[in-house]
Amino acid sequence: MINKKHSSDAHEIACYYIELTDGRATKTIMSKTTNQAKSLLADGYTKKEIIEVIDYIVNVKHVDMYSFGYVNTTINSFLREIKKKKAHEIALETKREIASMSDIPCKEVVDYDTQRNKDKLGGFGIESRIREKYDLNMFERNGQDN
């Protein structure tokens, strides 16, 4: 059911869409755009989501939309893209924060640790299939075996 809030929001969405895409509209185009916006609002999309999708289509994807129907048919996929992009940005920002907070220098591997690990491996009696096949020693450094 469409209420007064949907009508005013739909009109604002339609005006925003017209202003962002063309800037001019006939009475018929404005009416169709408003009805399609009402339809999206009635389907459960919020005004913020619809405007966000319009911005994303025009500013990020650089799509020259012919009508509001394009928003109506592609809103789900663009909302998913926007959500993924935001999650990726948050992850990158978090990674940068963690990296900047880390004042502890990385511990360099010393020869003692390498020898200790080599002894542990020998104690279990484990032989690598890769090492046999390729004659590879993972503890070797610069052609020297420790």
C-alpha atoms as a PDB file:
ATOM      1  CA  MET A   1       0.000   0.000   0.000  1.00  0.00           C
ATOM      2  CA  ILE A   2       1.332   3.408  -0.947  1.00  0.00           C
ATOM      3  CA  ASN A   3       1.112   6.104   1.710  1.00  0.00           C
ATOM      4  CA  LYS A   4       1.803   9.854   1.745  1.00  0.00           C
ATOM      5  CA  LYS A   5       5.394   9.306   2.885  1.00  0.00           C
ATOM      6  CA  HIS A   6       6.017   7.112  -0.175  1.00  0.00           C
ATOM      7  CA  SER A   7       4.479   9.755  -2.438  1.00  0.00           C
ATOM      8  CA  SER A   8       6.678  12.567  -1.161  1.00  0.00           C
ATOM      9  CA  ASP A   9       9.781  10.342  -1.148  1.00  0.00           C
ATOM     10  CA  ALA A  10       8.972   9.107  -4.662  1.00  0.00           C
ATOM     11  CA  HIS A  11       8.614  12.689  -5.899  1.00  0.00           C
ATOM     12  CA  GLU A  12      11.969  13.640  -4.319  1.00  0.00           C
ATOM     13  CA  ILE A  13      13.626  10.573  -5.871  1.00  0.00           C
ATOM     14  CA  ALA A  14      12.136  11.403  -9.267  1.00  0.00           C
ATOM     15  CA  CYS A  15      13.318  15.014  -9.052  1.00  0.00           C
ATOM     16  CA  TYR A  16      16.784  13.865  -7.988  1.00  0.00           C
ATOM     17  CA  TYR A  17      16.950  11.382 -10.875  1.00  0.00           C
ATOM     18  CA  ILE A  18      15.802  13.962 -13.444  1.00  0.00           C
ATOM     19  CA  GLU A  19      18.233  16.581 -12.117  1.00  0.00           C
ATOM     20  CA  LEU A  20      21.153  14.155 -12.134  1.00  0.00           C
ATOM     21  CA  THR A  21      20.539  12.643 -15.563  1.00  0.00           C
ATOM     22  CA  ASP A  22      18.909  15.169 -17.850  1.00  0.00           C
ATOM     23  CA  GLY A  23      17.746  18.190 -15.924  1.00  0.00           C
ATOM     24  CA  ARG A  24      14.583  18.498 -18.020  1.00  0.00           C
ATOM     25  CA  ALA A  25      11.448  16.405 -18.034  1.00  0.00           C
ATOM     26  CA  THR A  26       7.952  16.539 -19.420  1.00  0.00           C
ATOM     27  CA  LYS A  27       4.950  16.007 -17.225  1.00  0.00           C
ATOM     28  CA  THR A  28       4.594  12.454 -18.572  1.00  0.00           C
ATOM     29  CA  ILE A  29       8.212  11.506 -17.879  1.00  0.00           C
ATOM     30  CA  MET A  30       7.998  12.960 -14.384  1.00  0.00           C
ATOM     31  CA  SER A  31       4.799  11.017 -13.739  1.00  0.00           C
ATOM     32  CA  LYS A  32       6.281   7.710 -14.958  1.00  0.00           C
ATOM     33  CA  THR A  33       9.460   8.238 -12.957  1.00  0.00           C
ATOM     34  CA  THR A  34       7.470   9.021  -9.808  1.00  0.00           C
ATOM     35  CA  ASN A  35       5.321   5.899 -10.277  1.00  0.00           C
ATOM     36  CA  GLN A  36       8.397   3.708 -10.735  1.00  0.00           C
ATOM     37  CA  ALA A  37       9.971   5.230  -7.623  1.00  0.00           C
ATOM     38  CA  LYS A  38       6.731   4.533  -5.708  1.00  0.00           C
ATOM     39  CA  SER A  39       6.916   0.955  -6.918  1.00  0.00           C
ATOM     40  CA  LEU A  40      10.452   0.572  -5.541  1.00  0.00           C
ATOM     41  CA  LEU A  41       9.433   2.117  -2.227  1.00  0.00           C
ATOM     42  CA  ALA A  42       6.419  -0.209  -2.030  1.00  0.00           C
ATOM     43  CA  ASP A  43       8.731  -3.182  -2.665  1.00  0.00           C
ATOM     44  CA  GLY A  44      10.676  -2.303   0.470  1.00  0.00           C
ATOM     45  CA  TYR A  45      13.635  -0.278  -0.790  1.00  0.00           C
ATOM     46  CA  THR A  46      14.446   2.841   1.175  1.00  0.00           C
ATOM     47  CA  LYS A  47      14.837   6.327  -0.246  1.00  0.00           C
ATOM     48  CA  LYS A  48      18.492   6.284   0.762  1.00  0.00           C
ATOM     49  CA  GLU A  49      19.146   2.995  -1.081  1.00  0.00           C
ATOM     50  CA  ILE A  50      17.479   4.200  -4.265  1.00  0.00           C
ATOM     51  CA  ILE A  51      19.385   7.498  -4.293  1.00  0.00           C
ATOM     52  CA  GLU A  52      22.611   5.639  -3.537  1.00  0.00           C
ATOM     53  CA  VAL A  53      22.010   3.348  -6.539  1.00  0.00           C
ATOM     54  CA  ILE A  54      21.249   6.326  -8.803  1.00  0.00           C
ATOM     55  CA  ASP A  55      24.501   7.992  -7.703  1.00  0.00           C
ATOM     56  CA  TYR A  56      26.446   4.772  -8.221  1.00  0.00           C
ATOM     57  CA  ILE A  57      25.029   4.207 -11.714  1.00  0.00           C
ATOM     58  CA  VAL A  58      25.656   7.767 -12.882  1.00  0.00           C
ATOM     59  CA  ASN A  59      28.918   8.650 -11.092  1.00  0.00           C
ATOM     60  CA  VAL A  60      30.758   5.331 -10.750  1.00  0.00           C
ATOM     61  CA  LYS A  61      29.473   3.203 -13.624  1.00  0.00           C
ATOM     62  CA  HIS A  62      28.986   6.217 -15.926  1.00  0.00           C
ATOM     63  CA  VAL A  63      25.817   4.786 -17.440  1.00  0.00           C
ATOM     64  CA  ASP A  64      23.703   7.184 -19.467  1.00  0.00           C
ATOM     65  CA  MET A  65      20.241   6.056 -18.401  1.00  0.00           C
ATOM     66  CA  TYR A  66      17.316   6.505 -20.729  1.00  0.00           C
ATOM     67  CA  SER A  67      14.681   6.036 -18.053  1.00  0.00           C
ATOM     68  CA  PHE A  68      14.199   5.267 -14.387  1.00  0.00           C
ATOM     69  CA  GLY A  69      13.229   1.746 -15.413  1.00  0.00           C
ATOM     70  CA  TYR A  70      16.938   0.915 -15.582  1.00  0.00           C
ATOM     71  CA  VAL A  71      17.222   1.633 -11.864  1.00  0.00           C
ATOM     72  CA  ASN A  72      14.084  -0.398 -11.286  1.00  0.00           C
ATOM     73  CA  THR A  73      15.465  -3.500 -13.008  1.00  0.00           C
ATOM     74  CA  THR A  74      19.083  -3.353 -11.801  1.00  0.00           C
ATOM     75  CA  ILE A  75      18.732  -2.136  -8.225  1.00  0.00           C
ATOM     76  CA  ASN A  76      19.458  -5.539  -6.646  1.00  0.00           C
ATOM     77  CA  SER A  77      22.723  -6.110  -8.478  1.00  0.00           C
ATOM     78  CA  PHE A  78      23.943  -2.566  -7.872  1.00  0.00           C
ATOM     79  CA  LEU A  79      23.060  -2.735  -4.172  1.00  0.00           C
ATOM     80  CA  ARG A  80      25.171  -5.917  -3.952  1.00  0.00           C
ATOM     81  CA  GLU A  81      28.078  -4.179  -5.743  1.00  0.00           C
ATOM     82  CA  ILE A  82      27.833  -1.165  -3.437  1.00  0.00           C
ATOM     83  CA  LYS A  83      27.795  -3.431  -0.371  1.00  0.00           C
ATOM     84  CA  LYS A  84      30.870  -5.355  -1.591  1.00  0.00           C
ATOM     85  CA  LYS A  85      32.697  -2.126  -2.390  1.00  0.00           C
ATOM     86  CA  LYS A  86      31.972  -0.699   1.066  1.00  0.00           C
ATOM     87  CA  ALA A  87      33.076  -3.933   2.760  1.00  0.00           C
ATOM     88  CA  HIS A  88      36.294  -3.905   0.723  1.00  0.00           C
ATOM     89  CA  GLU A  89      36.980  -0.263   1.655  1.00  0.00           C
ATOM     90  CA  ILE A  90      36.387  -1.041   5.346  1.00  0.00           C
ATOM     91  CA  ALA A  91      38.740  -4.021   5.145  1.00  0.00           C
ATOM     92  CA  LEU A  92      41.469  -1.919   3.504  1.00  0.00           C
ATOM     93  CA  GLU A  93      41.044   0.825   6.087  1.00  0.00           C
ATOM     94  CA  THR A  94      41.241  -1.693   8.923  1.00  0.00           C
ATOM     95  CA  LYS A  95      44.348  -3.255   7.393  1.00  0.00           C
ATOM     96  CA  ARG A  96      45.987   0.192   7.174  1.00  0.00           C
ATOM     97  CA  GLU A  97      45.099   0.941  10.805  1.00  0.00           C
ATOM     98  CA  ILE A  98      46.532  -2.358  11.972  1.00  0.00           C
ATOM     99  CA  ALA A  99      49.702  -1.783   9.981  1.00  0.00           C
ATOM    100  CA  SER A 100      50.137   1.722  11.394  1.00  0.00           C
ATOM    101  CA  MET A 101      49.573   0.537  14.981  1.00  0.00           C
ATOM    102  CA  SER A 102      52.217  -2.156  14.720  1.00  0.00           C
ATOM    103  CA  ASP A 103      55.422  -0.684  16.138  1.00  0.00           C
ATOM    104  CA  ILE A 104      56.937  -4.086  16.829  1.00  0.00           C
ATOM    105  CA  PRO A 105      59.560  -4.978  14.233  1.00  0.00           C
ATOM    106  CA  CYS A 106      59.372  -8.409  12.657  1.00  0.00           C
ATOM    107  CA  LYS A 107      61.694 -10.955  14.226  1.00  0.00           C
ATOM    108  CA  GLU A 108      64.310 -12.163  11.830  1.00  0.00           C
ATOM    109  CA  VAL A 109      64.910 -15.866  11.587  1.00  0.00           C
ATOM    110  CA  VAL A 110      68.242 -16.781  13.115  1.00  0.00           C
ATOM    111  CA  ASP A 111      70.305 -19.819  12.238  1.00  0.00           C
ATOM    112  CA  TYR A 112      69.560 -21.357  15.630  1.00  0.00           C
ATOM    113  CA  ASP A 113      65.825 -21.420  14.845  1.00  0.00           C
ATOM    114  CA  THR A 114      66.469 -22.974  11.446  1.00  0.00           C
ATOM    115  CA  GLN A 115      68.645 -25.712  12.918  1.00  0.00           C
ATOM    116  CA  ARG A 116      66.127 -26.369  15.693  1.00  0.00           C
ATOM    117  CA  ASN A 117      63.315 -26.774  13.150  1.00  0.00           C
ATOM    118  CA  LYS A 118      65.487 -29.029  11.030  1.00  0.00           C
ATOM    119  CA  ASP A 119      66.217 -31.210  14.082  1.00  0.00           C
ATOM    120  CA  LYS A 120      62.512 -31.427  14.933  1.00  0.00           C
ATOM    121  CA  LEU A 121      61.695 -32.523  11.403  1.00  0.00           C
ATOM    122  CA  GLY A 122      64.404 -35.180  11.533  1.00  0.00           C
ATOM    123  CA  GLY A 123      63.137 -36.410  14.924  1.00  0.00           C
ATOM    124  CA  PHE A 124      59.761 -37.283  13.475  1.00  0.00           C
ATOM    125  CA  GLY A 125      61.323 -39.194  10.621  1.00  0.00           C
ATOM    126  CA  ILE A 126      59.420 -37.173   8.044  1.00  0.00           C
ATOM    127  CA  GLU A 127      60.697 -37.097   4.480  1.00  0.00           C
ATOM    128  CA  SER A 128      59.152 -34.712   1.986  1.00  0.00           C
ATOM    129  CA  ARG A 129      57.878 -36.232  -1.254  1.00  0.00           C
ATOM    130  CA  ILE A 130      58.751 -32.991  -3.021  1.00  0.00           C
ATOM    131  CA  ARG A 131      62.279 -33.066  -1.655  1.00  0.00           C
ATOM    132  CA  GLU A 132      62.843 -36.595  -2.965  1.00  0.00           C
ATOM    133  CA  LYS A 133      61.392 -35.803  -6.358  1.00  0.00           C
ATOM    134  CA  TYR A 134      63.173 -32.469  -6.873  1.00  0.00           C
ATOM    135  CA  ASP A 135      66.185 -32.940  -4.585  1.00  0.00           C
ATOM    136  CA  LEU A 136      65.082 -29.880  -2.600  1.00  0.00           C
ATOM    137  CA  ASN A 137      66.202 -28.866   0.890  1.00  0.00           C
ATOM    138  CA  MET A 138      63.881 -26.250   2.369  1.00  0.00           C
ATOM    139  CA  PHE A 139      66.464 -25.292   5.000  1.00  0.00           C
ATOM    140  CA  GLU A 140      69.137 -24.497   2.419  1.00  0.00           C
ATOM    141  CA  ARG A 141      70.270 -20.857   2.144  1.00  0.00           C
ATOM    142  CA  ASN A 142      72.111 -19.478  -0.849  1.00  0.00           C
ATOM    143  CA  GLY A 143      73.335 -22.894  -1.888  1.00  0.00           C
ATOM    144  CA  GLN A 144      74.626 -23.766   1.613  1.00  0.00           C
ATOM    145  CA  ASP A 145      73.055 -26.427   3.831  1.00  0.00           C
ATOM    146  CA  ASN A 146      72.871 -25.513   7.527  1.00  0.00           C
END
